[in-house]
C-alpha atoms as a PDB file:
ATOM      1  CA  MET A   1      11.027   1.182  33.154  1.00  0.00           C
ATOM      2  CA  PRO A   2       9.823   4.885  32.317  1.00  0.00           C
ATOM      3  CA  ARG A   3       8.847   5.631  28.769  1.00  0.00           C
ATOM      4  CA  SER A   4      11.911   6.136  26.847  1.00  0.00           C
ATOM      5  CA  TYR A   5      13.707   4.673  23.810  1.00  0.00           C
ATOM      6  CA  GLU A   6      15.428   2.257  26.040  1.00  0.00           C
ATOM      7  CA  ARG A   7      11.793   0.899  27.093  1.00  0.00           C
ATOM      8  CA  GLY A   8      10.740   0.726  23.306  1.00  0.00           C
ATOM      9  CA  GLU A   9      13.933  -1.319  22.549  1.00  0.00           C
ATOM     10  CA  ALA A  10      13.241  -3.869  25.530  1.00  0.00           C
ATOM     11  CA  LEU A  11       9.594  -4.140  24.201  1.00  0.00           C
ATOM     12  CA  ASP A  12      11.112  -5.038  20.855  1.00  0.00           C
ATOM     13  CA  ALA A  13      13.500  -7.551  22.442  1.00  0.00           C
ATOM     14  CA  MET A  14      10.673  -9.140  24.432  1.00  0.00           C
ATOM     15  CA  LEU A  15       8.071  -9.451  21.797  1.00  0.00           C
ATOM     16  CA  PRO A  16       9.303 -12.296  19.628  1.00  0.00           C
ATOM     17  CA  HIS A  17       9.603 -14.440  22.644  1.00  0.00           C
ATOM     18  CA  VAL A  18       6.060 -13.591  23.848  1.00  0.00           C
ATOM     19  CA  LEU A  19       4.783 -14.269  19.948  1.00  0.00           C
ATOM     20  CA  ALA A  20       6.579 -17.537  19.897  1.00  0.00           C
ATOM     21  CA  GLN A  21       4.331 -18.833  22.597  1.00  0.00           C
ATOM     22  CA  GLY A  22       1.029 -18.739  19.974  1.00  0.00           C
ATOM     23  CA  PRO A  23      -1.161 -16.017  18.770  1.00  0.00           C
ATOM     24  CA  ASP A  24      -3.803 -16.663  22.058  1.00  0.00           C
ATOM     25  CA  ALA A  25      -0.904 -16.387  24.709  1.00  0.00           C
ATOM     26  CA  ALA A  26       0.486 -13.328  23.013  1.00  0.00           C
ATOM     27  CA  ARG A  27      -2.870 -11.581  22.870  1.00  0.00           C
ATOM     28  CA  ALA A  28      -3.668 -12.392  26.419  1.00  0.00           C
ATOM     29  CA  TRP A  29      -0.038 -11.069  27.884  1.00  0.00           C
ATOM     30  CA  ILE A  30      -0.174  -8.039  26.058  1.00  0.00           C
ATOM     31  CA  SER A  31      -3.840  -7.199  26.910  1.00  0.00           C
ATOM     32  CA  ALA A  32      -2.915  -8.124  30.758  1.00  0.00           C
ATOM     33  CA  LEU A  33      -0.206  -5.137  30.562  1.00  0.00           C
ATOM     34  CA  THR A  34      -1.652  -2.329  32.933  1.00  0.00           C
ATOM     35  CA  ASP A  35       0.563   0.359  31.510  1.00  0.00           C
ATOM     36  CA  ASP A  36      -1.757   1.887  28.688  1.00  0.00           C
ATOM     37  CA  SER A  37       1.310   3.241  26.886  1.00  0.00           C
ATOM     38  CA  LEU A  38       3.125  -0.143  26.984  1.00  0.00           C
ATOM     39  CA  ARG A  39       0.133  -1.987  26.029  1.00  0.00           C
ATOM     40  CA  ASN A  40      -0.654   0.104  23.043  1.00  0.00           C
ATOM     41  CA  GLY A  41       2.876  -0.050  21.981  1.00  0.00           C
ATOM     42  CA  SER A  42       2.864  -3.735  22.021  1.00  0.00           C
ATOM     43  CA  MET A  43      -0.411  -4.091  20.382  1.00  0.00           C
ATOM     44  CA  LEU A  44       0.997  -1.605  17.432  1.00  0.00           C
ATOM     45  CA  ARG A  45       4.058  -3.958  17.150  1.00  0.00           C
ATOM     46  CA  ALA A  46       2.159  -7.242  17.292  1.00  0.00           C
ATOM     47  CA  ALA A  47      -1.153  -6.789  15.450  1.00  0.00           C
ATOM     48  CA  GLU A  48       0.299  -7.129  11.978  1.00  0.00           C
ATOM     49  CA  GLN A  49       2.159 -10.312  12.724  1.00  0.00           C
ATOM     50  CA  LEU A  50      -0.606 -11.901  14.487  1.00  0.00           C
ATOM     51  CA  ALA A  51      -3.042 -11.108  11.688  1.00  0.00           C
ATOM     52  CA  GLN A  52      -1.075 -13.220   9.308  1.00  0.00           C
ATOM     53  CA  SER A  53      -2.106 -16.429  11.275  1.00  0.00           C
ATOM     54  CA  ASP A  54      -5.717 -15.194  12.404  1.00  0.00           C
ATOM     55  CA  PRO A  55      -6.833 -11.875  11.106  1.00  0.00           C
ATOM     56  CA  LYS A  56     -10.323 -12.204  12.651  1.00  0.00           C
ATOM     57  CA  ALA A  57      -9.214 -12.852  15.988  1.00  0.00           C
ATOM     58  CA  THR A  58      -6.601 -10.059  15.689  1.00  0.00           C
ATOM     59  CA  ALA A  59      -9.398  -7.545  14.580  1.00  0.00           C
ATOM     60  CA  ASP A  60     -11.495  -8.738  17.442  1.00  0.00           C
ATOM     61  CA  TRP A  61      -8.942  -8.015  19.863  1.00  0.00           C
ATOM     62  CA  LEU A  62      -7.942  -4.549  18.618  1.00  0.00           C
ATOM     63  CA  LEU A  63     -11.657  -3.640  18.733  1.00  0.00           C
ATOM     64  CA  ALA A  64     -12.257  -5.105  22.235  1.00  0.00           C
ATOM     65  CA  ASN A  65      -9.101  -2.848  23.475  1.00  0.00           C
ATOM     66  CA  PRO A  66      -9.789   0.567  21.666  1.00  0.00           C
ATOM     67  CA  GLY A  67      -6.956   2.806  21.657  1.00  0.00           C
ATOM     68  CA  GLU A  68      -4.109   4.246  19.553  1.00  0.00           C
ATOM     69  CA  ALA A  69      -3.217   0.751  18.361  1.00  0.00           C
ATOM     70  CA  THR A  70      -6.948   0.143  17.189  1.00  0.00           C
ATOM     71  CA  LYS A  71      -7.007   3.298  15.183  1.00  0.00           C
ATOM     72  CA  ARG A  72      -3.630   2.703  13.520  1.00  0.00           C
ATOM     73  CA  ARG A  73      -3.568  -1.090  13.151  1.00  0.00           C
ATOM     74  CA  LEU A  74      -7.353  -2.205  12.303  1.00  0.00           C
ATOM     75  CA  ASP A  75      -6.957  -1.114   8.524  1.00  0.00           C
ATOM     76  CA  ASN A  76      -3.591  -3.278   8.358  1.00  0.00           C
ATOM     77  CA  VAL A  77      -5.084  -6.107   9.468  1.00  0.00           C
ATOM     78  CA  LEU A  78      -8.419  -5.836   7.391  1.00  0.00           C
ATOM     79  CA  ALA A  79      -5.912  -5.311   4.448  1.00  0.00           C
ATOM     80  CA  THR A  80      -4.215  -8.627   5.537  1.00  0.00           C
ATOM     81  CA  TRP A  81      -7.449 -10.293   5.641  1.00  0.00           C
ATOM     82  CA  ALA A  82      -8.733  -9.069   2.544  1.00  0.00           C
ATOM     83  CA  SER A  83      -5.688 -10.060   0.556  1.00  0.00           C
ATOM     84  CA  SER A  84      -6.397 -13.762   1.438  1.00  0.00           C
ATOM     85  CA  ASP A  85     -10.416 -13.870   1.763  1.00  0.00           C
ATOM     86  CA  LYS A  86     -11.849 -10.679   0.327  1.00  0.00           C
ATOM     87  CA  SER A  87     -15.320 -11.965   0.791  1.00  0.00           C
ATOM     88  CA  ALA A  88     -14.686 -12.631   4.787  1.00  0.00           C
ATOM     89  CA  ALA A  89     -13.190  -9.356   5.384  1.00  0.00           C
ATOM     90  CA  VAL A  90     -15.734  -7.316   3.700  1.00  0.00           C
ATOM     91  CA  ALA A  91     -18.471  -9.301   5.511  1.00  0.00           C
ATOM     92  CA  TYR A  92     -16.659  -8.714   8.906  1.00  0.00           C
ATOM     93  CA  PHE A  93     -16.416  -4.807   7.898  1.00  0.00           C
ATOM     94  CA  GLU A  94     -20.148  -4.864   7.220  1.00  0.00           C
ATOM     95  CA  ALA A  95     -21.036  -6.199  10.645  1.00  0.00           C
ATOM     96  CA  LEU A  96     -19.228  -3.277  12.471  1.00  0.00           C
ATOM     97  CA  PRO A  97     -21.228  -0.484  13.837  1.00  0.00           C
ATOM     98  CA  LYS A  98     -21.185   2.919  11.903  1.00  0.00           C
ATOM     99  CA  GLY A  99     -18.200   5.102  12.937  1.00  0.00           C
ATOM    100  CA  GLU A 100     -14.373   5.541  12.904  1.00  0.00           C
ATOM    101  CA  GLU A 101     -13.466   1.849  13.454  1.00  0.00           C
ATOM    102  CA  ARG A 102     -15.692   0.810  10.452  1.00  0.00           C
ATOM    103  CA  SER A 103     -14.414   3.352   8.156  1.00  0.00           C
ATOM    104  CA  ASN A 104     -10.633   2.487   8.938  1.00  0.00           C
ATOM    105  CA  ALA A 105     -11.739  -1.216   8.185  1.00  0.00           C
ATOM    106  CA  LEU A 106     -13.041  -0.100   4.814  1.00  0.00           C
ATOM    107  CA  ARG A 107      -9.744   1.766   4.112  1.00  0.00           C
ATOM    108  CA  GLY A 108      -7.700  -1.323   4.638  1.00  0.00           C
ATOM    109  CA  ILE A 109      -9.969  -3.644   2.620  1.00  0.00           C
ATOM    110  CA  ILE A 110      -9.723  -0.907  -0.176  1.00  0.00           C
ATOM    111  CA  SER A 111      -5.701  -0.867   0.081  1.00  0.00           C
ATOM    112  CA  ALA A 112      -5.699  -4.571  -0.445  1.00  0.00           C
ATOM    113  CA  ILE A 113      -8.157  -5.000  -3.313  1.00  0.00           C
ATOM    114  CA  SER A 114      -7.646  -1.683  -5.337  1.00  0.00           C
ATOM    115  CA  SER A 115      -4.120  -2.625  -6.657  1.00  0.00           C
ATOM    116  CA  GLN A 116      -5.384  -6.336  -7.885  1.00  0.00           C
ATOM    117  CA  ASP A 117      -8.859  -5.205  -9.161  1.00  0.00           C
ATOM    118  CA  PRO A 118      -9.493  -1.343  -9.080  1.00  0.00           C
ATOM    119  CA  THR A 119     -13.135  -1.977 -10.592  1.00  0.00           C
ATOM    120  CA  ALA A 120     -13.961  -4.210  -7.611  1.00  0.00           C
ATOM    121  CA  ALA A 121     -12.460  -1.598  -5.263  1.00  0.00           C
ATOM    122  CA  ALA A 122     -14.539   1.057  -6.799  1.00  0.00           C
ATOM    123  CA  ALA A 123     -17.680  -1.208  -6.468  1.00  0.00           C
ATOM    124  CA  VAL A 124     -17.014  -1.433  -2.762  1.00  0.00           C
ATOM    125  CA  LEU A 125     -16.431   2.148  -2.241  1.00  0.00           C
ATOM    126  CA  ASP A 126     -19.565   2.886  -4.353  1.00  0.00           C
ATOM    127  CA  ARG A 127     -21.592   0.401  -2.266  1.00  0.00           C
ATOM    128  CA  HIS A 128     -20.625   1.849   1.117  1.00  0.00           C
ATOM    129  CA  ALA A 129     -20.261   5.490   0.629  1.00  0.00           C
ATOM    130  CA  ALA A 130     -21.508   6.509   3.820  1.00  0.00           C
ATOM    131  CA  ASP A 131     -18.362   4.822   5.293  1.00  0.00           C
ATOM    132  CA  VAL A 132     -15.696   6.275   2.885  1.00  0.00           C
ATOM    133  CA  THR A 133     -13.415   8.866   4.188  1.00  0.00           C
ATOM    134  CA  ASP A 134     -10.930  11.059   2.277  1.00  0.00           C
ATOM    135  CA  GLY A 135      -8.414   8.596   3.392  1.00  0.00           C
ATOM    136  CA  ALA A 136     -10.287   5.719   1.735  1.00  0.00           C
ATOM    137  CA  PHE A 137     -10.343   7.754  -1.269  1.00  0.00           C
ATOM    138  CA  GLN A 138      -6.680   8.763  -1.138  1.00  0.00           C
ATOM    139  CA  THR A 139      -5.898   4.719  -0.638  1.00  0.00           C
ATOM    140  CA  PHE A 140      -7.933   3.727  -3.579  1.00  0.00           C
ATOM    141  CA  VAL A 141      -6.370   6.387  -5.757  1.00  0.00           C
ATOM    142  CA  TRP A 142      -2.682   5.469  -5.007  1.00  0.00           C
ATOM    143  CA  HIS A 143      -3.293   1.943  -5.112  1.00  0.00           C
ATOM    144  CA  SER A 144      -5.226   1.733  -8.371  1.00  0.00           C
ATOM    145  CA  PHE A 145      -3.580   4.513 -10.224  1.00  0.00           C
ATOM    146  CA  GLY A 146      -0.846   2.024 -11.681  1.00  0.00           C
ATOM    147  CA  SER A 147      -3.247  -0.357 -13.537  1.00  0.00           C
ATOM    148  CA  ASP A 148      -6.165   2.079 -14.260  1.00  0.00           C
ATOM    149  CA  PRO A 149      -5.055   5.847 -13.933  1.00  0.00           C
ATOM    150  CA  ALA A 150      -8.434   7.118 -15.496  1.00  0.00           C
ATOM    151  CA  LEU A 151     -10.739   5.229 -12.883  1.00  0.00           C
ATOM    152  CA  ALA A 152      -8.267   6.531 -10.387  1.00  0.00           C
ATOM    153  CA  LEU A 153      -8.651  10.202 -11.186  1.00  0.00           C
ATOM    154  CA  ASN A 154     -12.361   9.789 -11.352  1.00  0.00           C
ATOM    155  CA  TYR A 155     -12.429   9.272  -7.676  1.00  0.00           C
ATOM    156  CA  VAL A 156      -9.986  12.251  -6.725  1.00  0.00           C
ATOM    157  CA  GLY A 157     -12.974  14.531  -7.271  1.00  0.00           C
ATOM    158  CA  ARG A 158     -14.824  12.729  -4.371  1.00  0.00           C
ATOM    159  CA  ILE A 159     -11.905  13.896  -1.973  1.00  0.00           C
ATOM    160  CA  ALA A 160     -13.832  16.551   0.325  1.00  0.00           C
ATOM    161  CA  ASP A 161     -10.709  18.559   1.568  1.00  0.00           C
ATOM    162  CA  PRO A 162      -9.945  21.006  -1.117  1.00  0.00           C
ATOM    163  CA  GLY A 163      -6.264  21.144  -0.421  1.00  0.00           C
ATOM    164  CA  SER A 164      -5.762  17.245  -0.320  1.00  0.00           C
ATOM    165  CA  GLN A 165      -7.808  17.049  -3.566  1.00  0.00           C
ATOM    166  CA  GLU A 166      -5.696  19.504  -5.458  1.00  0.00           C
ATOM    167  CA  ARG A 167      -2.625  17.774  -4.183  1.00  0.00           C
ATOM    168  CA  MET A 168      -3.731  14.386  -5.456  1.00  0.00           C
ATOM    169  CA  TYR A 169      -4.935  15.657  -8.816  1.00  0.00           C
ATOM    170  CA  SER A 170      -1.569  17.532  -9.293  1.00  0.00           C
ATOM    171  CA  ARG A 171       0.579  14.392  -8.273  1.00  0.00           C
ATOM    172  CA  THR A 172      -1.433  11.720 -10.289  1.00  0.00           C
ATOM    173  CA  LEU A 173      -1.674  13.792 -13.279  1.00  0.00           C
ATOM    174  CA  ASP A 174       2.021  14.833 -13.304  1.00  0.00           C
ATOM    175  CA  SER A 175       2.787  11.149 -13.157  1.00  0.00           C
ATOM    176  CA  TRP A 176       0.284  10.134 -15.955  1.00  0.00           C
ATOM    177  CA  LEU A 177       1.455  12.922 -18.022  1.00  0.00           C
ATOM    178  CA  ASN A 178       4.942  11.548 -17.696  1.00  0.00           C
ATOM    179  CA  ARG A 179       4.088   7.931 -18.222  1.00  0.00           C
ATOM    180  CA  ASP A 180       1.230   8.376 -21.021  1.00  0.00           C
ATOM    181  CA  PRO A 181       0.996  12.216 -22.074  1.00  0.00           C
ATOM    182  CA  VAL A 182      -1.657  11.436 -24.907  1.00  0.00           C
ATOM    183  CA  ALA A 183      -4.033   9.583 -22.633  1.00  0.00           C
ATOM    184  CA  ALA A 184      -3.424  12.049 -19.875  1.00  0.00           C
ATOM    185  CA  GLN A 185      -4.172  14.876 -21.874  1.00  0.00           C
ATOM    186  CA  ALA A 186      -7.473  13.229 -23.638  1.00  0.00           C
ATOM    187  CA  TRP A 187      -8.584  12.780 -19.898  1.00  0.00           C
ATOM    188  CA  ILE A 188      -7.901  16.415 -18.639  1.00  0.00           C
ATOM    189  CA  GLN A 189      -9.764  17.713 -21.702  1.00  0.00           C
ATOM    190  CA  ARG A 190     -12.806  15.850 -20.982  1.00  0.00           C
ATOM    191  CA  ASN A 191     -12.978  16.557 -17.122  1.00  0.00           C
ATOM    192  CA  ALA A 192     -13.200  19.681 -15.054  1.00  0.00           C
ATOM    193  CA  LEU A 193     -10.446  20.557 -12.690  1.00  0.00           C
ATOM    194  CA  PRO A 194      -9.996  22.866  -9.667  1.00  0.00           C
ATOM    195  CA  ASP A 195      -8.482  26.436 -10.788  1.00  0.00           C
ATOM    196  CA  ASN A 196      -5.410  25.811  -8.947  1.00  0.00           C
ATOM    197  CA  VAL A 197      -4.935  22.300 -10.813  1.00  0.00           C
ATOM    198  CA  THR A 198      -5.392  23.961 -14.040  1.00  0.00           C
ATOM    199  CA  ARG A 199      -2.848  26.993 -13.448  1.00  0.00           C
ATOM    200  CA  HIS A 200      -0.429  24.028 -12.347  1.00  0.00           C
ATOM    201  CA  LEU A 201      -0.798  22.046 -15.642  1.00  0.00           C
ATOM    202  CA  GLN A 202      -0.558  25.231 -17.651  1.00  0.00           C
ATOM    203  CA  GLU A 203       2.700  26.230 -15.829  1.00  0.00           C
ATOM    204  CA  ARG A 204       3.873  22.486 -16.441  1.00  0.00           C
ATOM    205  CA  ALA A 205       3.229  22.794 -20.089  1.00  0.00           C
ATOM    206  CA  ALA A 206       4.901  26.310 -20.431  1.00  0.00           C
ATOM    207  CA  GLN A 207       8.056  25.091 -18.666  1.00  0.00           C
ATOM    208  CA  ALA A 208       8.110  22.092 -21.040  1.00  0.00           C
ATOM    209  CA  GLN A 209       7.924  24.347 -24.014  1.00  0.00           C
ATOM    210  CA  PRO A 210      11.516  24.836 -26.047  1.00  0.00           C
END
């Protein structure tokens, strides 16, 4: 079939039967596909489910077949792994060579542990600073903000892209001001913020005046 919506639907219909043959058989069937687009689409759809039963084998499989699926799913697989065995997932990440795949793996680990233990997630970020991307910082902030907003905000300043950093400051501070204005204002007073964020907060305060 040519690339089309219908081919995607056909693949969605087939994959449950392929996965029902077991993880090894499913990975072998997908890896044997000669159409790069079809193989990547199959890997994208199957990786998270395969990770539920064997995250290491799934991560190995993605890394052995680099492509769009690896870029988009390796973090999900490591997140699944870290949720059940943080030490093993971190050890796997630490054994990867420097590069995009290692950074993607770290982002997945951070997404898994930051909502449960922001302090532990922050320690992982600090220990592997050379591998941290803006995406990892953003993931940490979103997942840790609910339980430790001050710690989360302390890492917004490490986002390198100015626009992304300003947007993250504005969104998180707006949320915190709505939820706990006293604590949020205390944090704002203690910390220097980008000019655009300061103006945003001033405008917000002016609009709140009766």
